[in-house]
Protein backbone atom coordinates (compact mmCIF):
# COMPACT_ATOMS: atom_id res chain seq x y z
CA UNK A 1 41.46 -8.46 -0.10
CA UNK A 2 37.92 -8.62 1.59
CA UNK A 3 37.55 -6.74 4.84
CA UNK A 4 36.22 -7.98 8.01
CA UNK A 5 32.77 -6.63 8.86
CA UNK A 6 33.23 -3.97 11.83
CA UNK A 7 31.25 -1.31 13.41
CA UNK A 8 33.69 0.04 15.83
CA UNK A 9 34.86 3.48 15.88
CA UNK A 10 38.05 2.92 16.22
CA UNK A 11 38.51 0.46 13.41
CA UNK A 12 40.41 0.75 10.14
CA UNK A 13 38.57 3.62 8.22
CA UNK A 14 38.44 0.92 5.19
CA UNK A 15 36.26 -1.47 7.40
CA UNK A 16 34.33 0.78 9.62
CA UNK A 17 30.64 0.35 8.78
CA UNK A 18 31.00 -2.19 6.23
CA UNK A 19 27.71 -4.17 5.89
CA UNK A 20 26.73 -6.86 3.96
CA UNK A 21 22.86 -7.16 3.75
CA UNK A 22 22.49 -10.51 2.02
CA UNK A 23 19.08 -11.68 1.90
CA UNK A 24 17.65 -8.70 4.23
CA UNK A 25 14.34 -6.80 3.01
CA UNK A 26 15.65 -4.29 0.52
CA UNK A 27 13.39 -1.29 1.90
CA UNK A 28 15.12 1.15 -0.70
CA UNK A 29 13.18 -0.34 -3.48
CA UNK A 30 9.83 0.36 -1.96
CA UNK A 31 7.48 3.19 -3.70
CA UNK A 32 6.94 4.86 -0.15
CA UNK A 33 4.14 7.37 -1.27
CA UNK A 34 2.15 4.30 -2.58
CA UNK A 35 2.62 2.44 0.79
CA UNK A 36 2.00 5.61 2.96
CA UNK A 37 -1.06 5.88 1.05
CA UNK A 38 -2.34 2.42 2.05
CA UNK A 39 -1.15 3.50 5.90
CA UNK A 40 -3.20 6.39 5.53
CA UNK A 41 -6.39 4.81 4.01
CA UNK A 42 -6.52 2.82 7.40
CA UNK A 43 -6.10 5.77 9.41
CA UNK A 44 -9.22 7.49 7.75
CA UNK A 45 -11.06 4.06 8.21
CA UNK A 46 -10.59 4.07 11.71
CA UNK A 47 -11.88 7.55 12.28
CA UNK A 48 -14.79 6.90 9.99
CA UNK A 49 -18.15 6.50 11.89
CA UNK A 50 -20.41 8.32 9.67
CA UNK A 51 -20.51 5.17 7.12
CA UNK A 52 -19.68 2.57 9.15
CA UNK A 53 -16.36 1.87 8.12
CA UNK A 54 -15.05 1.98 11.89
CA UNK A 55 -17.70 -0.53 12.91
CA UNK A 56 -16.44 -2.72 10.14
CA UNK A 57 -13.03 -2.79 11.60
CA UNK A 58 -14.35 -3.78 15.03
CA UNK A 59 -16.15 -6.62 13.34
CA UNK A 60 -14.19 -8.73 11.33
CA UNK A 61 -16.09 -10.41 8.45
CA UNK A 62 -13.80 -12.25 5.96
CA UNK A 63 -16.64 -12.57 3.12
CA UNK A 64 -17.62 -9.19 3.34
CA UNK A 65 -14.00 -7.89 3.23
CA UNK A 66 -13.41 -10.66 0.07
CA UNK A 67 -16.30 -8.91 -1.65
CA UNK A 68 -15.23 -5.28 -1.13
CA UNK A 69 -11.96 -6.38 -2.40
CA UNK A 70 -12.94 -8.24 -5.56
CA UNK A 71 -15.32 -5.09 -6.31
CA UNK A 72 -12.68 -2.65 -5.85
CA UNK A 73 -10.04 -4.57 -7.94
CA UNK A 74 -12.48 -5.10 -11.13
CA UNK A 75 -13.60 -1.43 -10.49
CA UNK A 76 -10.38 -0.43 -11.18
CA UNK A 77 -10.10 -2.35 -14.55
CA UNK A 78 -13.48 -0.71 -15.66
CA UNK A 79 -11.95 2.64 -14.92
CA UNK A 80 -12.98 3.46 -11.38
CA UNK A 81 -9.73 4.37 -9.77
CA UNK A 82 -10.79 7.05 -7.03
CA UNK A 83 -13.15 6.14 -4.12
CA UNK A 84 -14.08 8.39 -1.17
CA UNK A 85 -13.49 7.19 2.16
CA UNK A 86 -14.77 9.75 4.78
CA UNK A 87 -15.21 12.56 2.80
CA UNK A 88 -11.81 11.92 1.31
CA UNK A 89 -10.78 10.66 -2.26
CA UNK A 90 -8.22 7.80 -2.57
CA UNK A 91 -6.96 5.55 -5.25
CA UNK A 92 -9.15 2.49 -4.94
CA UNK A 93 -6.32 0.24 -5.03
CA UNK A 94 -4.96 1.86 -1.85
CA UNK A 95 -8.38 0.85 -0.13
CA UNK A 96 -8.29 -2.55 -1.32
CA UNK A 97 -4.46 -2.86 -0.11
CA UNK A 98 -5.72 -1.94 3.23
CA UNK A 99 -8.54 -4.39 3.15
CA UNK A 100 -6.05 -7.24 2.33
CA UNK A 101 -3.70 -6.31 5.16
CA UNK A 102 -6.94 -6.59 7.33
CA UNK A 103 -7.58 -10.03 5.82
CA UNK A 104 -4.04 -10.73 6.65
CA UNK A 105 -4.57 -9.68 10.36
CA UNK A 106 -7.50 -12.07 10.55
CA UNK A 107 -9.17 -10.29 13.34
CA UNK A 108 -11.16 -7.23 14.51
CA UNK A 109 -9.51 -4.23 15.89
CA UNK A 110 -10.46 -3.24 19.55
CA UNK A 111 -11.78 0.35 20.56
CA UNK A 112 -8.40 0.87 22.12
CA UNK A 113 -6.21 0.02 19.17
CA UNK A 114 -8.45 2.27 17.01
CA UNK A 115 -8.47 4.99 19.66
CA UNK A 116 -5.04 4.89 20.83
CA UNK A 117 -3.57 7.88 18.68
CA UNK A 118 -4.93 10.42 16.21
CA UNK A 119 -1.93 10.54 14.10
CA UNK A 120 -2.23 10.84 10.15
CA UNK A 121 -0.57 7.55 9.42
CA UNK A 122 -1.68 4.59 11.65
CA UNK A 123 1.45 2.70 11.14
CA UNK A 124 0.24 0.91 14.30
CA UNK A 125 -2.76 -0.78 12.81
CA UNK A 126 -0.68 -3.04 10.51
CA UNK A 127 1.40 -6.11 11.46
CA UNK A 128 4.81 -5.30 10.61
CA UNK A 129 5.97 -8.52 9.35
CA UNK A 130 3.00 -8.16 6.63
CA UNK A 131 4.61 -4.98 5.67
CA UNK A 132 8.15 -6.74 5.41
CA UNK A 133 6.43 -9.60 3.45
CA UNK A 134 5.43 -7.20 0.74
CA UNK A 135 9.00 -5.39 1.07
CA UNK A 136 10.41 -9.55 0.33
CA UNK A 137 8.74 -9.41 -2.89
CA UNK A 138 10.53 -6.33 -3.81
CA UNK A 139 13.86 -7.81 -2.51
CA UNK A 140 13.33 -11.49 -4.41
CA UNK A 141 11.98 -9.43 -7.60
CA UNK A 142 15.46 -7.58 -7.59
CA UNK A 143 17.59 -10.80 -7.11
CA UNK A 144 15.65 -12.59 -9.69
CA UNK A 145 15.42 -9.75 -12.56
CA UNK A 146 16.89 -6.15 -11.38
CA UNK A 147 16.66 -3.60 -9.14
CA UNK A 148 13.27 -1.59 -10.27
CA UNK A 149 12.63 -4.07 -13.31
CA UNK A 150 8.98 -3.81 -12.12
CA UNK A 151 8.29 -0.36 -13.32
CA UNK A 152 9.11 -1.64 -16.90
CA UNK A 153 6.23 -3.89 -17.02
CA UNK A 154 2.56 -3.24 -18.28
CA UNK A 155 -0.55 -2.57 -16.24
CA UNK A 156 -2.62 -5.60 -17.65
CA UNK A 157 0.06 -8.31 -16.37
CA UNK A 158 -0.02 -6.51 -12.57
CA UNK A 159 -3.92 -6.63 -12.83
CA UNK A 160 -3.78 -10.62 -14.08
CA UNK A 161 -1.01 -11.45 -11.29
CA UNK A 162 -2.97 -9.63 -8.82
CA UNK A 163 -6.21 -11.37 -9.52
CA UNK A 164 -4.89 -14.81 -9.56
CA UNK A 165 -2.90 -14.49 -6.54
CA UNK A 166 -6.11 -13.01 -4.62
CA UNK A 167 -8.23 -16.25 -6.17
CA UNK A 168 -6.17 -18.49 -3.64
CA UNK A 169 -7.77 -16.65 -0.54
CA UNK A 170 -10.28 -19.25 -0.25
CA UNK A 171 -7.96 -22.28 -0.67
CA UNK A 172 -5.57 -23.71 1.60
CA UNK A 173 -2.64 -22.65 -0.86
CA UNK A 174 -1.20 -19.69 1.03
CA UNK A 175 2.52 -19.53 -0.34
CA UNK A 176 3.27 -18.95 -3.87
CA UNK A 177 5.81 -21.85 -4.74
CA UNK A 178 7.89 -19.80 -7.25
CA UNK A 179 9.11 -17.05 -4.59
CA UNK A 180 7.75 -18.26 -1.44
CA UNK A 181 6.07 -15.43 -0.42
CA UNK A 182 2.40 -15.19 1.18
CA UNK A 183 -0.11 -15.02 -1.99
CA UNK A 184 -1.85 -11.82 -0.34
CA UNK A 185 1.66 -10.18 0.04
CA UNK A 186 1.83 -10.61 -3.71
CA UNK A 187 -1.87 -9.04 -4.17
CA UNK A 188 -0.35 -6.06 -2.31
CA UNK A 189 2.71 -5.62 -4.23
CA UNK A 190 0.32 -5.74 -7.38
CA UNK A 191 -1.66 -3.23 -5.78
CA UNK A 192 1.23 -0.81 -5.44
CA UNK A 193 2.69 -1.37 -8.96
CA UNK A 194 -0.59 -0.64 -10.17
CA UNK A 195 -1.27 2.53 -8.20
CA UNK A 196 2.40 3.60 -9.13
CA UNK A 197 1.92 2.92 -12.68
CA UNK A 198 -1.20 5.03 -12.37
CA UNK A 199 0.56 7.86 -11.23
CA UNK A 200 3.26 7.90 -13.52
CA UNK A 201 0.52 8.03 -16.49
CA UNK A 202 -1.51 10.95 -14.75
CA UNK A 203 1.18 13.32 -15.02
CA UNK A 204 2.08 16.75 -13.34
CA UNK A 205 -1.21 18.17 -14.75
CA UNK A 206 -3.32 16.73 -12.31
CA UNK A 207 -3.10 19.54 -9.57
CA UNK A 208 -2.74 23.57 -10.04
CA UNK A 209 -0.81 23.67 -6.70
CA UNK A 210 1.12 20.82 -5.05
CA UNK A 211 1.16 19.59 -1.41
CA UNK A 212 2.93 16.64 0.49
CA UNK A 213 -0.62 14.88 1.45
CA UNK A 214 -2.23 12.35 -0.03
CA UNK A 215 -5.93 12.72 0.13
CA UNK A 216 -8.64 15.65 -0.96
CA UNK A 217 -11.97 16.34 -0.16
CA UNK A 218 -14.80 18.01 -2.00
CA UNK A 219 -17.09 16.83 -4.80
CA UNK A 220 -14.85 13.64 -6.46
CA UNK A 221 -17.05 14.25 -9.55
CA UNK A 222 -16.18 18.18 -10.02
CA UNK A 223 -13.31 20.14 -11.01
CA UNK A 224 -12.71 21.74 -7.57
CA UNK A 225 -11.32 19.73 -4.97
CA UNK A 226 -9.41 20.80 -1.74
CA UNK A 227 -6.70 19.16 0.26
CA UNK A 228 -8.02 17.92 3.19
CA UNK A 229 -4.90 18.50 5.44
CA UNK A 230 -3.89 21.85 4.22
CA UNK A 231 -6.79 23.18 2.36
CA UNK A 232 -4.72 23.91 -1.03
CA UNK A 233 -7.05 24.18 -3.80
CA UNK A 234 -6.61 21.57 -6.51
CA UNK A 235 -8.38 20.82 -9.91
CA UNK A 236 -8.25 17.13 -9.87
CA UNK A 237 -9.77 14.63 -7.66
CA UNK A 238 -6.48 12.13 -7.59
CA UNK A 239 -4.12 12.01 -5.25
CA UNK A 240 -1.36 14.68 -5.08
């Protein structure tokens, strides 16, 4: 027999806490390491006065951002998977994803917004509706196929889908007719999938000492790198 939903502490134990998620966003399907990498990138960009990235956040230029995203996406296909931002090394698509979130925002950040906290992960610089829009792609994909079915798909298919969705950036067609998601949410989703697949192919040999952080400093073309956050020495220059 079906139970009524109840969250009252004095309810029948079989009923207490019963919850029906329905079409709610399924956050448990999200690869959070990759998502937090994107959030971390935005925080680094907000601090980066040396190469002018902070200034770019204060002066929204859609065409410049589109060009930068195209360079990062096509560069990934050519094997350029690590880029430097403010002396930190990131997966190139994490930087591209942060830029697409900026495109979705569609306006500059104020100095007050950029300066209001110095925490590492700048969630406050994102529109939560856009983050949830990306989560919804996981939700609808799981409904159509199966939980985490996306992990079984080839990188080439994700690259093709990412490019096709991004090509709509200069059209009036903002929504994907198949799933009903914004094309730019699909772009970010495909970028996260490619980042996740890259990490699986790297394996544990990528570091000599592990830590929980996401960025490295040092010479990106050399063998020696150091975690910018905790200072641990590592021997590879991809995130650890």
